[in-house]
Amino acid sequence: MHDLTCLIKGCQARVYAPAGTHSICREHFLNYLTWRRRKGPQMFMKYAGMTMEERDPYVAEWANTIRVEEAPAASAPMP
């Protein structure tokens, strides 16, 4: 894990796990696992035997499914 920030643009959470040659936070890691499960059980067997570089296209495909939510605007001070 060489990255110090999550692969997902705009995410400032602490790095939790590798995703190919990149790193992702815990929330995105759990989302990635769910995405892989939906691809079918063969995805886990195939993915486990891949090198980190071979995993990158799958990570990129998953990352394209992530919707980036805008940070909440600063609330106005209470009168």
Protein backbone atom coordinates (compact mmCIF):
# COMPACT_ATOMS: atom_id res chain seq x y z
CA MET A 1 0.00 0.00 0.00
CA HIS A 2 1.90 2.98 -1.27
CA ASP A 3 -0.91 5.52 -1.34
CA LEU A 4 -1.62 7.53 1.76
CA THR A 5 -5.17 8.40 0.72
CA CYS A 6 -8.13 6.44 -0.57
CA LEU A 7 -8.21 5.79 -4.33
CA ILE A 8 -11.71 7.27 -4.58
CA LYS A 9 -11.51 10.95 -5.48
CA GLY A 10 -12.67 13.20 -2.67
CA CYS A 11 -12.41 10.53 0.05
CA GLN A 12 -10.21 11.65 2.92
CA ALA A 13 -10.60 8.54 5.09
CA ARG A 14 -7.57 6.66 6.37
CA VAL A 15 -6.24 3.89 4.12
CA TYR A 16 -7.47 0.45 5.17
CA ALA A 17 -6.69 -2.15 2.49
CA PRO A 18 -5.04 -2.62 -0.90
CA ALA A 19 -7.07 -2.55 -4.09
CA GLY A 20 -4.78 -3.63 -6.85
CA THR A 21 -1.75 -1.35 -6.75
CA HIS A 22 -3.79 1.34 -4.97
CA SER A 23 -5.30 1.63 -1.49
CA ILE A 24 -8.84 2.27 -0.28
CA CYS A 25 -10.53 3.18 3.01
CA ARG A 26 -12.58 0.72 5.05
CA GLU A 27 -15.96 1.93 3.77
CA HIS A 28 -14.88 1.62 0.15
CA PHE A 29 -13.20 -1.73 0.84
CA LEU A 30 -16.49 -3.16 2.11
CA ASN A 31 -18.25 -1.71 -0.92
CA TYR A 32 -15.62 -3.33 -3.18
CA LEU A 33 -16.14 -6.72 -1.52
CA THR A 34 -19.90 -6.43 -2.06
CA TRP A 35 -19.34 -5.53 -5.71
CA ARG A 36 -17.07 -8.55 -6.17
CA ARG A 37 -19.62 -10.86 -4.50
CA ARG A 38 -22.26 -9.66 -6.95
CA LYS A 39 -19.95 -10.63 -9.79
CA GLY A 40 -20.24 -14.25 -8.63
CA PRO A 41 -18.25 -16.79 -6.61
CA GLN A 42 -15.78 -17.36 -9.44
CA MET A 43 -14.61 -13.75 -9.01
CA PHE A 44 -13.15 -14.55 -5.58
CA MET A 45 -11.27 -17.60 -6.86
CA LYS A 46 -9.93 -15.75 -9.89
CA TYR A 47 -9.11 -12.56 -7.95
CA ALA A 48 -7.21 -14.46 -5.25
CA GLY A 49 -4.77 -15.84 -7.83
CA MET A 50 -4.04 -12.49 -9.47
CA THR A 51 -1.08 -10.20 -8.93
CA MET A 52 -1.76 -6.67 -7.74
CA GLU A 53 -1.17 -5.33 -11.26
CA GLU A 54 -3.64 -7.84 -12.73
CA ARG A 55 -6.27 -6.66 -10.24
CA ASP A 56 -6.07 -3.02 -11.37
CA PRO A 57 -8.61 -3.32 -14.25
CA TYR A 58 -11.19 -4.77 -11.83
CA VAL A 59 -10.51 -2.01 -9.33
CA ALA A 60 -10.90 0.59 -12.08
CA GLU A 61 -14.20 -0.98 -13.21
CA TRP A 62 -15.49 -0.92 -9.63
CA ALA A 63 -14.25 2.64 -9.02
CA ASN A 64 -16.33 3.81 -11.98
CA THR A 65 -19.45 2.59 -10.17
CA ILE A 66 -18.77 4.77 -7.11
CA ARG A 67 -20.80 7.94 -6.92
CA VAL A 68 -18.83 10.79 -5.39
CA GLU A 69 -20.96 12.65 -2.88
CA GLU A 70 -20.23 16.27 -2.21
CA ALA A 71 -19.11 17.24 1.24
CA PRO A 72 -21.90 18.84 3.26
CA ALA A 73 -21.86 22.61 3.16
CA ALA A 74 -20.92 24.44 6.34
CA SER A 75 -24.09 25.18 8.23
CA ALA A 76 -25.03 28.75 9.01
CA PRO A 77 -24.47 29.81 12.61
CA MET A 78 -27.51 29.63 14.87
CA PRO A 79 -28.90 33.08 15.82
